[in-house]
């Protein structure tokens, strides 16, 4: 699965792959594999990135085009 929005979000915020890899505590090479779709990204990393970019996992996964995150349930 190619997650083009991972790359788009990272570039929109002017981050390098190494910065996002550091956030996830992985190598830059590992993160690069997620962006290119050569490896599936773990759900826990998706959650971290959605929170980091202030969006939803559905947006990253292209389920929705709505970039705003969902309201948290109480």
PDB file of N, CA and C in Angstrom:
ATOM      1  N   UNK A   1       0.852  -1.173   0.000  1.00  0.00           N
ATOM      2  CA  UNK A   1       0.000   0.000   0.000  1.00  0.00           C
ATOM      3  C   UNK A   1       0.902   1.242   0.000  1.00  0.00           C
ATOM      4  N   UNK A   2       0.677   2.093  -0.959  1.00  0.00           N
ATOM      5  CA  UNK A   2       1.435   3.338  -1.055  1.00  0.00           C
ATOM      6  C   UNK A   2       0.650   4.448  -0.370  1.00  0.00           C
ATOM      7  N   UNK A   3       1.251   5.052   0.621  1.00  0.00           N
ATOM      8  CA  UNK A   3       0.573   6.096   1.384  1.00  0.00           C
ATOM      9  C   UNK A   3       1.134   7.460   0.982  1.00  0.00           C
ATOM     10  N   UNK A   4       0.662   7.973  -0.161  1.00  0.00           N
ATOM     11  CA  UNK A   4       1.201   9.244  -0.659  1.00  0.00           C
ATOM     12  C   UNK A   4       0.967  10.384   0.315  1.00  0.00           C
ATOM     13  N   UNK A   5      -0.075  10.266   1.127  1.00  0.00           N
ATOM     14  CA  UNK A   5      -0.341  11.353   2.074  1.00  0.00           C
ATOM     15  C   UNK A   5       0.708  11.425   3.179  1.00  0.00           C
ATOM     16  N   UNK A   6       1.363  10.335   3.487  1.00  0.00           N
ATOM     17  CA  UNK A   6       2.465  10.399   4.452  1.00  0.00           C
ATOM     18  C   UNK A   6       3.529  11.370   3.953  1.00  0.00           C
ATOM     19  N   UNK A   7       3.886  11.218   2.699  1.00  0.00           N
ATOM     20  CA  UNK A   7       4.907  12.091   2.108  1.00  0.00           C
ATOM     21  C   UNK A   7       4.369  13.510   1.968  1.00  0.00           C
ATOM     22  N   UNK A   8       3.132  13.657   1.508  1.00  0.00           N
ATOM     23  CA  UNK A   8       2.550  14.989   1.333  1.00  0.00           C
ATOM     24  C   UNK A   8       2.493  15.759   2.652  1.00  0.00           C
ATOM     25  N   UNK A   9       2.043  15.105   3.707  1.00  0.00           N
ATOM     26  CA  UNK A   9       1.973  15.760   5.011  1.00  0.00           C
ATOM     27  C   UNK A   9       3.366  16.164   5.488  1.00  0.00           C
ATOM     28  N   UNK A  10       4.299  15.252   5.366  1.00  0.00           N
ATOM     29  CA  UNK A  10       5.667  15.538   5.808  1.00  0.00           C
ATOM     30  C   UNK A  10       6.229  16.735   5.051  1.00  0.00           C
ATOM     31  N   UNK A  11       6.044  16.755   3.751  1.00  0.00           N
ATOM     32  CA  UNK A  11       6.570  17.858   2.952  1.00  0.00           C
ATOM     33  C   UNK A  11       5.824  19.164   3.220  1.00  0.00           C
ATOM     34  N   UNK A  12       4.508  19.080   3.434  1.00  0.00           N
ATOM     35  CA  UNK A  12       3.730  20.281   3.755  1.00  0.00           C
ATOM     36  C   UNK A  12       4.232  20.966   5.025  1.00  0.00           C
ATOM     37  N   UNK A  13       4.711  20.165   5.965  1.00  0.00           N
ATOM     38  CA  UNK A  13       5.226  20.702   7.228  1.00  0.00           C
ATOM     39  C   UNK A  13       6.741  20.932   7.182  1.00  0.00           C
ATOM     40  N   UNK A  14       7.330  20.712   6.015  1.00  0.00           N
ATOM     41  CA  UNK A  14       8.772  20.911   5.805  1.00  0.00           C
ATOM     42  C   UNK A  14       9.649  20.054   6.717  1.00  0.00           C
ATOM     43  N   UNK A  15       9.244  18.804   6.892  1.00  0.00           N
ATOM     44  CA  UNK A  15      10.051  17.868   7.673  1.00  0.00           C
ATOM     45  C   UNK A  15      10.816  16.944   6.741  1.00  0.00           C
ATOM     46  N   UNK A  16      11.948  16.506   7.193  1.00  0.00           N
ATOM     47  CA  UNK A  16      12.738  15.493   6.501  1.00  0.00           C
ATOM     48  C   UNK A  16      12.310  14.120   7.029  1.00  0.00           C
ATOM     49  N   UNK A  17      12.574  13.083   6.258  1.00  0.00           N
ATOM     50  CA  UNK A  17      12.251  11.725   6.701  1.00  0.00           C
ATOM     51  C   UNK A  17      12.916  11.407   8.026  1.00  0.00           C
ATOM     52  N   UNK A  18      14.123  11.870   8.221  1.00  0.00           N
ATOM     53  CA  UNK A  18      14.850  11.574   9.451  1.00  0.00           C
ATOM     54  C   UNK A  18      14.142  12.150  10.675  1.00  0.00           C
ATOM     55  N   UNK A  19      13.488  13.289  10.518  1.00  0.00           N
ATOM     56  CA  UNK A  19      12.763  13.907  11.630  1.00  0.00           C
ATOM     57  C   UNK A  19      11.575  13.042  12.037  1.00  0.00           C
ATOM     58  N   UNK A  20      10.829  12.579  11.050  1.00  0.00           N
ATOM     59  CA  UNK A  20       9.655  11.749  11.339  1.00  0.00           C
ATOM     60  C   UNK A  20      10.099  10.389  11.864  1.00  0.00           C
ATOM     61  N   UNK A  21      11.162   9.861  11.320  1.00  0.00           N
ATOM     62  CA  UNK A  21      11.699   8.590  11.813  1.00  0.00           C
ATOM     63  C   UNK A  21      12.088   8.713  13.282  1.00  0.00           C
ATOM     64  N   UNK A  22      12.692   9.825  13.646  1.00  0.00           N
ATOM     65  CA  UNK A  22      13.084  10.066  15.030  1.00  0.00           C
ATOM     66  C   UNK A  22      11.851  10.112  15.936  1.00  0.00           C
ATOM     67  N   UNK A  23      10.799  10.758  15.476  1.00  0.00           N
ATOM     68  CA  UNK A  23       9.544  10.808  16.228  1.00  0.00           C
ATOM     69  C   UNK A  23       9.018   9.400  16.508  1.00  0.00           C
ATOM     70  N   UNK A  24       9.159   8.513  15.526  1.00  0.00           N
ATOM     71  CA  UNK A  24       8.659   7.136  15.651  1.00  0.00           C
ATOM     72  C   UNK A  24       9.684   6.183  16.273  1.00  0.00           C
ATOM     73  N   UNK A  25      10.890   6.697  16.529  1.00  0.00           N
ATOM     74  CA  UNK A  25      11.991   5.889  17.096  1.00  0.00           C
ATOM     75  C   UNK A  25      12.371   4.730  16.175  1.00  0.00           C
ATOM     76  N   UNK A  26      12.482   5.074  14.881  1.00  0.00           N
ATOM     77  CA  UNK A  26      12.911   4.097  13.880  1.00  0.00           C
ATOM     78  C   UNK A  26      13.969   4.768  13.004  1.00  0.00           C
ATOM     79  N   UNK A  27      14.541   4.009  12.078  1.00  0.00           N
ATOM     80  CA  UNK A  27      15.537   4.588  11.178  1.00  0.00           C
ATOM     81  C   UNK A  27      14.854   5.324  10.027  1.00  0.00           C
ATOM     82  N   UNK A  28      15.610   6.202   9.396  1.00  0.00           N
ATOM     83  CA  UNK A  28      15.099   6.912   8.234  1.00  0.00           C
ATOM     84  C   UNK A  28      14.768   5.926   7.117  1.00  0.00           C
ATOM     85  N   UNK A  29      15.594   4.904   6.979  1.00  0.00           N
ATOM     86  CA  UNK A  29      15.371   3.909   5.942  1.00  0.00           C
ATOM     87  C   UNK A  29      14.048   3.175   6.168  1.00  0.00           C
ATOM     88  N   UNK A  30      13.786   2.828   7.418  1.00  0.00           N
ATOM     89  CA  UNK A  30      12.531   2.145   7.761  1.00  0.00           C
ATOM     90  C   UNK A  30      11.342   3.033   7.405  1.00  0.00           C
ATOM     91  N   UNK A  31      11.412   4.311   7.780  1.00  0.00           N
ATOM     92  CA  UNK A  31      10.316   5.222   7.473  1.00  0.00           C
ATOM     93  C   UNK A  31      10.144   5.364   5.958  1.00  0.00           C
ATOM     94  N   UNK A  32      11.242   5.424   5.236  1.00  0.00           N
ATOM     95  CA  UNK A  32      11.182   5.522   3.774  1.00  0.00           C
ATOM     96  C   UNK A  32      10.427   4.362   3.148  1.00  0.00           C
ATOM     97  N   UNK A  33      10.570   3.187   3.737  1.00  0.00           N
ATOM     98  CA  UNK A  33       9.846   2.006   3.238  1.00  0.00           C
ATOM     99  C   UNK A  33       8.338   2.168   3.416  1.00  0.00           C
ATOM    100  N   UNK A  34       7.923   2.848   4.470  1.00  0.00           N
ATOM    101  CA  UNK A  34       6.492   3.109   4.679  1.00  0.00           C
ATOM    102  C   UNK A  34       5.967   4.086   3.640  1.00  0.00           C
ATOM    103  N   UNK A  35       6.729   5.129   3.371  1.00  0.00           N
ATOM    104  CA  UNK A  35       6.290   6.133   2.393  1.00  0.00           C
ATOM    105  C   UNK A  35       6.185   5.548   0.994  1.00  0.00           C
ATOM    106  N   UNK A  36       7.068   4.649   0.652  1.00  0.00           N
ATOM    107  CA  UNK A  36       7.056   4.071  -0.696  1.00  0.00           C
ATOM    108  C   UNK A  36       6.138   2.858  -0.809  1.00  0.00           C
ATOM    109  N   UNK A  37       5.603   2.409   0.304  1.00  0.00           N
ATOM    110  CA  UNK A  37       4.701   1.267   0.278  1.00  0.00           C
ATOM    111  C   UNK A  37       5.395  -0.077   0.216  1.00  0.00           C
ATOM    112  N   UNK A  38       6.694  -0.088   0.435  1.00  0.00           N
ATOM    113  CA  UNK A  38       7.427  -1.357   0.426  1.00  0.00           C
ATOM    114  C   UNK A  38       7.232  -2.122   1.721  1.00  0.00           C
ATOM    115  N   UNK A  39       6.734  -1.438   2.723  1.00  0.00           N
ATOM    116  CA  UNK A  39       6.375  -2.046   4.015  1.00  0.00           C
ATOM    117  C   UNK A  39       5.071  -1.437   4.474  1.00  0.00           C
ATOM    118  N   UNK A  40       4.260  -2.231   5.128  1.00  0.00           N
ATOM    119  CA  UNK A  40       3.016  -1.723   5.715  1.00  0.00           C
ATOM    120  C   UNK A  40       3.346  -1.006   7.015  1.00  0.00           C
ATOM    121  N   UNK A  41       2.719   0.140   7.215  1.00  0.00           N
ATOM    122  CA  UNK A  41       2.982   0.921   8.419  1.00  0.00           C
ATOM    123  C   UNK A  41       2.118   0.390   9.566  1.00  0.00           C
ATOM    124  N   UNK A  42       2.698   0.151  10.725  1.00  0.00           N
ATOM    125  CA  UNK A  42       1.922  -0.318  11.873  1.00  0.00           C
ATOM    126  C   UNK A  42       0.882   0.715  12.319  1.00  0.00           C
ATOM    127  N   UNK A  43      -0.224   0.229  12.817  1.00  0.00           N
ATOM    128  CA  UNK A  43      -1.322   1.090  13.251  1.00  0.00           C
ATOM    129  C   UNK A  43      -0.864   2.071  14.320  1.00  0.00           C
ATOM    130  N   UNK A  44      -0.032   1.646  15.235  1.00  0.00           N
ATOM    131  CA  UNK A  44       0.401   2.565  16.294  1.00  0.00           C
ATOM    132  C   UNK A  44       1.201   3.734  15.721  1.00  0.00           C
ATOM    133  N   UNK A  45       1.945   3.523  14.645  1.00  0.00           N
ATOM    134  CA  UNK A  45       2.659   4.623  14.000  1.00  0.00           C
ATOM    135  C   UNK A  45       1.673   5.552  13.305  1.00  0.00           C
ATOM    136  N   UNK A  46       0.644   4.988  12.692  1.00  0.00           N
ATOM    137  CA  UNK A  46      -0.388   5.818  12.063  1.00  0.00           C
ATOM    138  C   UNK A  46      -1.043   6.742  13.077  1.00  0.00           C
ATOM    139  N   UNK A  47      -1.344   6.201  14.249  1.00  0.00           N
ATOM    140  CA  UNK A  47      -1.961   7.006  15.300  1.00  0.00           C
ATOM    141  C   UNK A  47      -1.038   8.134  15.748  1.00  0.00           C
ATOM    142  N   UNK A  48       0.234   7.829  15.919  1.00  0.00           N
ATOM    143  CA  UNK A  48       1.206   8.849  16.323  1.00  0.00           C
ATOM    144  C   UNK A  48       1.277   9.948  15.263  1.00  0.00           C
ATOM    145  N   UNK A  49       1.341   9.561  14.002  1.00  0.00           N
ATOM    146  CA  UNK A  49       1.450  10.538  12.929  1.00  0.00           C
ATOM    147  C   UNK A  49       0.179  11.362  12.770  1.00  0.00           C
ATOM    148  N   UNK A  50      -0.970  10.732  12.922  1.00  0.00           N
ATOM    149  CA  UNK A  50      -2.232  11.476  12.839  1.00  0.00           C
ATOM    150  C   UNK A  50      -2.288  12.538  13.935  1.00  0.00           C
ATOM    151  N   UNK A  51      -1.895  12.183  15.137  1.00  0.00           N
ATOM    152  CA  UNK A  51      -1.861  13.163  16.226  1.00  0.00           C
ATOM    153  C   UNK A  51      -0.820  14.246  15.961  1.00  0.00           C
ATOM    154  N   UNK A  52       0.330  13.854  15.470  1.00  0.00           N
ATOM    155  CA  UNK A  52       1.423  14.782  15.198  1.00  0.00           C
ATOM    156  C   UNK A  52       1.015  15.818  14.146  1.00  0.00           C
ATOM    157  N   UNK A  53       0.351  15.356  13.086  1.00  0.00           N
ATOM    158  CA  UNK A  53      -0.078  16.247  12.008  1.00  0.00           C
ATOM    159  C   UNK A  53      -1.457  16.855  12.246  1.00  0.00           C
ATOM    160  N   UNK A  54      -2.072  16.530  13.377  1.00  0.00           N
ATOM    161  CA  UNK A  54      -3.398  17.025  13.725  1.00  0.00           C
ATOM    162  C   UNK A  54      -4.427  16.686  12.644  1.00  0.00           C
ATOM    163  N   UNK A  55      -4.462  15.417  12.298  1.00  0.00           N
ATOM    164  CA  UNK A  55      -5.406  14.912  11.311  1.00  0.00           C
ATOM    165  C   UNK A  55      -5.906  13.550  11.787  1.00  0.00           C
ATOM    166  N   UNK A  56      -6.558  12.808  10.902  1.00  0.00           N
ATOM    167  CA  UNK A  56      -7.061  11.485  11.284  1.00  0.00           C
ATOM    168  C   UNK A  56      -6.328  10.394  10.508  1.00  0.00           C
ATOM    169  N   UNK A  57      -6.368   9.195  11.043  1.00  0.00           N
ATOM    170  CA  UNK A  57      -5.811   8.045  10.325  1.00  0.00           C
ATOM    171  C   UNK A  57      -6.554   7.854   9.005  1.00  0.00           C
ATOM    172  N   UNK A  58      -7.856   8.126   8.998  1.00  0.00           N
ATOM    173  CA  UNK A  58      -8.642   7.995   7.768  1.00  0.00           C
ATOM    174  C   UNK A  58      -8.132   8.932   6.680  1.00  0.00           C
ATOM    175  N   UNK A  59      -7.704  10.120   7.060  1.00  0.00           N
ATOM    176  CA  UNK A  59      -7.150  11.044   6.071  1.00  0.00           C
ATOM    177  C   UNK A  59      -5.841  10.485   5.510  1.00  0.00           C
ATOM    178  N   UNK A  60      -4.976  10.015   6.367  1.00  0.00           N
ATOM    179  CA  UNK A  60      -3.699   9.455   5.918  1.00  0.00           C
ATOM    180  C   UNK A  60      -3.929   8.253   5.007  1.00  0.00           C
ATOM    181  N   UNK A  61      -4.930   7.438   5.339  1.00  0.00           N
ATOM    182  CA  UNK A  61      -5.233   6.230   4.559  1.00  0.00           C
ATOM    183  C   UNK A  61      -6.110   6.511   3.347  1.00  0.00           C
ATOM    184  N   UNK A  62      -6.439   7.779   3.110  1.00  0.00           N
ATOM    185  CA  UNK A  62      -7.242   8.218   1.977  1.00  0.00           C
ATOM    186  C   UNK A  62      -8.673   7.670   1.996  1.00  0.00           C
ATOM    187  N   UNK A  63      -9.190   7.436   3.194  1.00  0.00           N
ATOM    188  CA  UNK A  63     -10.587   7.045   3.356  1.00  0.00           C
ATOM    189  C   UNK A  63     -11.463   8.293   3.227  1.00  0.00           C
ATOM    190  N   UNK A  64     -10.912   9.428   3.645  1.00  0.00           N
ATOM    191  CA  UNK A  64     -11.603  10.709   3.570  1.00  0.00           C
ATOM    192  C   UNK A  64     -10.648  11.773   3.046  1.00  0.00           C
ATOM    193  N   UNK A  65     -11.213  12.822   2.505  1.00  0.00           N
ATOM    194  CA  UNK A  65     -10.414  13.963   2.086  1.00  0.00           C
ATOM    195  C   UNK A  65     -10.484  15.095   3.104  1.00  0.00           C
ATOM    196  N   UNK A  66     -11.183  14.853   4.207  1.00  0.00           N
ATOM    197  CA  UNK A  66     -11.323  15.836   5.287  1.00  0.00           C
ATOM    198  C   UNK A  66     -10.082  15.767   6.165  1.00  0.00           C
ATOM    199  N   UNK A  67      -9.285  16.825   6.143  1.00  0.00           N
ATOM    200  CA  UNK A  67      -8.016  16.820   6.875  1.00  0.00           C
ATOM    201  C   UNK A  67      -8.200  17.043   8.375  1.00  0.00           C
ATOM    202  N   UNK A  68      -9.320  17.677   8.765  1.00  0.00           N
ATOM    203  CA  UNK A  68      -9.561  17.931  10.186  1.00  0.00           C
ATOM    204  C   UNK A  68      -9.707  16.613  10.942  1.00  0.00           C
ATOM    205  N   UNK A  69      -9.137  16.540  12.124  1.00  0.00           N
ATOM    206  CA  UNK A  69      -9.304  15.317  12.916  1.00  0.00           C
ATOM    207  C   UNK A  69     -10.724  15.204  13.450  1.00  0.00           C
ATOM    208  N   UNK A  70     -11.128  13.998  13.777  1.00  0.00           N
ATOM    209  CA  UNK A  70     -12.432  13.776  14.384  1.00  0.00           C
ATOM    210  C   UNK A  70     -12.426  14.338  15.800  1.00  0.00           C
ATOM    211  N   UNK A  71     -13.603  14.687  16.287  1.00  0.00           N
ATOM    212  CA  UNK A  71     -13.717  15.097  17.683  1.00  0.00           C
ATOM    213  C   UNK A  71     -13.568  13.861  18.551  1.00  0.00           C
ATOM    214  N   UNK A  72     -12.858  14.012  19.634  1.00  0.00           N
ATOM    215  CA  UNK A  72     -12.661  12.886  20.558  1.00  0.00           C
ATOM    216  C   UNK A  72     -13.935  12.642  21.333  1.00  0.00           C
ATOM    217  N   UNK A  73     -14.266  11.361  21.496  1.00  0.00           N
ATOM    218  CA  UNK A  73     -15.455  11.025  22.280  1.00  0.00           C
ATOM    219  C   UNK A  73     -15.122  11.110  23.754  1.00  0.00           C
ATOM    220  N   UNK A  74     -16.135  11.439  24.538  1.00  0.00           N
ATOM    221  CA  UNK A  74     -15.889  11.590  25.972  1.00  0.00           C
ATOM    222  C   UNK A  74     -16.255  10.342  26.744  1.00  0.00           C
TER     223      UNK A  74
END
